[in-house]
N, C-alpha and C. Protein backbone atom coordinates (compact mmCIF):
# COMPACT_ATOMS: atom_id res chain seq x y z
N MET A 1 -35.82 38.33 25.41
CA MET A 1 -35.05 39.22 26.24
C MET A 1 -35.37 38.91 27.69
N SER A 2 -34.37 38.88 28.47
CA SER A 2 -34.53 38.56 29.88
C SER A 2 -35.25 39.69 30.61
N ILE A 3 -36.30 39.33 31.32
CA ILE A 3 -37.03 40.34 32.11
C ILE A 3 -36.13 40.89 33.21
N VAL A 4 -35.15 40.09 33.64
CA VAL A 4 -34.21 40.56 34.66
C VAL A 4 -33.42 41.75 34.14
N LEU A 5 -33.04 41.74 32.86
CA LEU A 5 -32.32 42.88 32.27
C LEU A 5 -33.20 44.12 32.28
N ARG A 6 -34.44 43.99 31.87
CA ARG A 6 -35.35 45.13 31.80
C ARG A 6 -35.64 45.71 33.18
N LEU A 7 -35.66 44.84 34.19
CA LEU A 7 -35.94 45.31 35.54
C LEU A 7 -34.66 45.71 36.27
N GLY A 8 -33.53 45.65 35.57
CA GLY A 8 -32.26 46.12 36.12
C GLY A 8 -31.74 45.31 37.28
N GLY A 9 -32.15 44.04 37.37
CA GLY A 9 -31.69 43.19 38.46
C GLY A 9 -32.37 43.49 39.79
N LYS A 10 -33.36 44.37 39.77
CA LYS A 10 -34.04 44.77 41.01
C LYS A 10 -34.92 43.65 41.55
N TYR A 11 -35.53 42.90 40.67
CA TYR A 11 -36.39 41.79 41.07
C TYR A 11 -35.80 40.49 40.57
N LYS A 12 -35.93 39.44 41.32
CA LYS A 12 -35.39 38.13 40.96
C LYS A 12 -36.49 37.25 40.39
N ASN A 13 -36.09 36.27 39.56
CA ASN A 13 -37.03 35.28 39.06
C ASN A 13 -37.53 34.42 40.21
N VAL A 14 -38.77 33.97 40.11
CA VAL A 14 -39.33 33.11 41.15
C VAL A 14 -39.66 31.74 40.57
N LEU A 15 -39.66 30.74 41.43
CA LEU A 15 -40.04 29.39 41.03
C LEU A 15 -41.56 29.34 40.92
N HIS A 16 -42.06 28.85 39.79
CA HIS A 16 -43.50 28.75 39.59
C HIS A 16 -43.94 27.31 39.83
N LYS A 17 -45.03 27.17 40.55
CA LYS A 17 -45.59 25.84 40.82
C LYS A 17 -47.04 25.82 40.37
N THR A 18 -47.51 24.65 40.04
CA THR A 18 -48.90 24.50 39.64
C THR A 18 -49.44 23.19 40.19
N THR A 19 -50.74 23.12 40.36
CA THR A 19 -51.36 21.86 40.75
C THR A 19 -52.03 21.26 39.53
N VAL A 20 -52.06 19.95 39.48
CA VAL A 20 -52.63 19.26 38.33
C VAL A 20 -54.04 18.82 38.66
N ASP A 21 -54.95 19.13 37.76
CA ASP A 21 -56.34 18.70 37.89
C ASP A 21 -56.53 17.52 36.95
N LYS A 22 -56.81 16.34 37.49
CA LYS A 22 -56.93 15.13 36.67
C LYS A 22 -58.19 15.13 35.82
N GLU A 23 -59.11 16.03 36.09
CA GLU A 23 -60.37 16.08 35.34
C GLU A 23 -60.30 17.02 34.13
N ARG A 24 -59.35 17.91 34.12
CA ARG A 24 -59.26 18.88 33.03
C ARG A 24 -57.89 18.82 32.37
N ILE A 25 -57.84 19.28 31.13
CA ILE A 25 -56.58 19.36 30.39
C ILE A 25 -55.92 20.70 30.70
N LYS A 26 -54.65 20.66 31.01
CA LYS A 26 -53.90 21.89 31.24
C LYS A 26 -53.30 22.35 29.91
N MET A 27 -53.52 23.60 29.58
CA MET A 27 -52.95 24.16 28.35
C MET A 27 -52.09 25.36 28.72
N SER A 28 -50.94 25.44 28.09
CA SER A 28 -50.09 26.61 28.26
C SER A 28 -49.33 26.83 26.96
N TRP A 29 -48.95 28.07 26.71
CA TRP A 29 -48.19 28.38 25.51
C TRP A 29 -47.31 29.60 25.80
N PRO A 30 -46.14 29.62 25.20
CA PRO A 30 -45.26 30.77 25.40
C PRO A 30 -45.70 31.95 24.54
N VAL A 31 -45.48 33.11 25.04
CA VAL A 31 -45.72 34.34 24.29
C VAL A 31 -44.37 35.04 24.18
N LEU A 32 -43.90 35.18 22.96
CA LEU A 32 -42.57 35.76 22.74
C LEU A 32 -42.68 37.15 22.14
N VAL A 33 -41.93 38.07 22.69
CA VAL A 33 -41.83 39.42 22.16
C VAL A 33 -40.36 39.65 21.87
N ILE A 34 -40.04 39.83 20.60
CA ILE A 34 -38.65 39.99 20.19
C ILE A 34 -38.48 41.36 19.54
N PRO A 35 -37.67 42.23 20.15
CA PRO A 35 -37.47 43.55 19.56
C PRO A 35 -36.59 43.48 18.31
N ALA A 36 -36.56 44.57 17.56
CA ALA A 36 -35.68 44.68 16.39
C ALA A 36 -34.23 44.59 16.86
N ASN A 37 -33.35 44.06 16.00
CA ASN A 37 -31.94 43.86 16.36
C ASN A 37 -31.25 45.14 16.81
N ASP A 38 -31.60 46.28 16.21
CA ASP A 38 -30.92 47.52 16.55
C ASP A 38 -31.57 48.28 17.72
N MET A 39 -32.67 47.74 18.25
CA MET A 39 -33.33 48.39 19.38
C MET A 39 -32.46 48.28 20.64
N VAL A 40 -32.35 49.37 21.36
CA VAL A 40 -31.57 49.37 22.60
C VAL A 40 -32.46 48.90 23.74
N VAL A 41 -31.96 47.89 24.47
CA VAL A 41 -32.69 47.36 25.61
C VAL A 41 -31.87 47.59 26.88
N GLY A 42 -32.56 47.83 27.96
CA GLY A 42 -31.88 48.07 29.23
C GLY A 42 -32.89 48.27 30.33
N PRO A 43 -32.42 48.56 31.52
CA PRO A 43 -33.31 48.74 32.67
C PRO A 43 -34.29 49.90 32.46
N PHE A 44 -35.49 49.76 33.02
CA PHE A 44 -36.46 50.84 32.98
C PHE A 44 -35.95 51.99 33.84
N PRO A 45 -35.87 53.20 33.31
CA PRO A 45 -35.37 54.33 34.10
C PRO A 45 -36.20 54.59 35.36
N GLU A 46 -37.49 54.27 35.30
CA GLU A 46 -38.37 54.51 36.45
C GLU A 46 -38.01 53.64 37.65
N LEU A 47 -37.28 52.55 37.42
CA LEU A 47 -36.94 51.63 38.50
C LEU A 47 -35.52 51.82 39.02
N THR A 48 -34.84 52.84 38.52
CA THR A 48 -33.47 53.09 38.96
C THR A 48 -33.32 54.54 39.39
N GLY A 49 -32.24 54.85 40.06
CA GLY A 49 -31.97 56.21 40.49
C GLY A 49 -30.59 56.30 41.11
N GLN A 50 -30.26 57.45 41.69
CA GLN A 50 -28.94 57.63 42.30
C GLN A 50 -28.73 56.67 43.46
N ASP A 51 -29.77 56.45 44.25
CA ASP A 51 -29.65 55.55 45.40
C ASP A 51 -29.75 54.08 45.00
N ASP A 52 -30.25 53.82 43.82
CA ASP A 52 -30.44 52.45 43.34
C ASP A 52 -30.05 52.38 41.86
N PRO A 53 -28.74 52.42 41.56
CA PRO A 53 -28.31 52.43 40.15
C PRO A 53 -28.59 51.10 39.47
N PRO A 54 -28.76 51.11 38.14
CA PRO A 54 -29.02 49.85 37.42
C PRO A 54 -27.81 48.92 37.49
N LYS A 55 -28.09 47.63 37.51
CA LYS A 55 -27.02 46.63 37.54
C LYS A 55 -26.55 46.25 36.14
N PHE A 56 -27.31 46.65 35.11
CA PHE A 56 -26.99 46.34 33.73
C PHE A 56 -27.01 47.61 32.90
N LYS A 57 -26.14 47.69 31.90
CA LYS A 57 -26.12 48.82 30.97
C LYS A 57 -27.07 48.54 29.81
N ALA A 58 -27.58 49.60 29.21
CA ALA A 58 -28.42 49.45 28.02
C ALA A 58 -27.52 49.05 26.84
N ILE A 59 -27.97 48.06 26.06
CA ILE A 59 -27.22 47.60 24.89
C ILE A 59 -28.19 47.27 23.77
N ALA A 60 -27.69 47.20 22.54
CA ALA A 60 -28.51 46.82 21.39
C ALA A 60 -28.96 45.37 21.57
N TYR A 61 -30.17 45.06 21.16
CA TYR A 61 -30.72 43.72 21.34
C TYR A 61 -29.82 42.66 20.69
N LYS A 62 -29.27 42.95 19.50
CA LYS A 62 -28.40 41.97 18.83
C LYS A 62 -27.16 41.68 19.68
N ASP A 63 -26.63 42.69 20.37
CA ASP A 63 -25.48 42.49 21.25
C ASP A 63 -25.88 41.69 22.50
N TYR A 64 -27.09 41.96 22.99
CA TYR A 64 -27.61 41.20 24.14
C TYR A 64 -27.69 39.71 23.79
N ILE A 65 -28.26 39.39 22.63
CA ILE A 65 -28.38 37.99 22.20
C ILE A 65 -27.00 37.37 22.01
N TYR A 66 -26.09 38.09 21.37
CA TYR A 66 -24.73 37.60 21.16
C TYR A 66 -24.09 37.22 22.50
N ARG A 67 -24.19 38.12 23.47
CA ARG A 67 -23.57 37.89 24.77
C ARG A 67 -24.28 36.77 25.53
N LYS A 68 -25.59 36.74 25.45
CA LYS A 68 -26.37 35.71 26.17
C LYS A 68 -26.05 34.32 25.64
N LEU A 69 -26.01 34.15 24.32
CA LEU A 69 -25.75 32.84 23.72
C LEU A 69 -24.32 32.36 23.98
N ARG A 70 -23.40 33.29 24.14
CA ARG A 70 -22.00 32.92 24.39
C ARG A 70 -21.64 32.94 25.88
N LYS A 71 -22.68 33.15 26.71
CA LYS A 71 -22.53 33.18 28.17
C LYS A 71 -21.51 34.22 28.62
N LEU A 72 -21.54 35.37 27.96
CA LEU A 72 -20.67 36.49 28.32
C LEU A 72 -21.40 37.37 29.34
N SER A 73 -20.66 38.19 30.04
CA SER A 73 -21.23 39.05 31.08
C SER A 73 -22.21 40.06 30.48
N LEU A 74 -23.34 40.23 31.14
CA LEU A 74 -24.29 41.28 30.78
C LEU A 74 -24.10 42.49 31.68
N VAL A 75 -23.36 42.32 32.76
CA VAL A 75 -23.15 43.42 33.70
C VAL A 75 -22.29 44.50 33.07
N ASP A 76 -21.23 44.12 32.36
CA ASP A 76 -20.34 45.08 31.71
C ASP A 76 -20.17 44.70 30.24
N PRO A 77 -21.11 45.12 29.37
CA PRO A 77 -21.05 44.73 27.96
C PRO A 77 -19.85 45.29 27.21
N ASP A 78 -19.11 46.23 27.79
CA ASP A 78 -17.94 46.78 27.11
C ASP A 78 -16.71 45.89 27.25
N SER A 79 -16.79 44.89 28.12
CA SER A 79 -15.62 44.01 28.32
C SER A 79 -15.65 42.83 27.38
């Protein structure tokens, strides 16, 4: 699930850089958290309000994946 969706578009992704140490081995691994298909995902209510409404609507995770894989809009999932 996109962290941008959970943060309601309030924060943008940043470019990550690293330096390489020729003396040591660099290890990294992804950590994946996948909610149940029927779980509703959306912006954190604590990060939104009347003056700063969410940019994304809450939708079921299975619908989020469907739209993401087909490159459909996440801004208006009803369309």
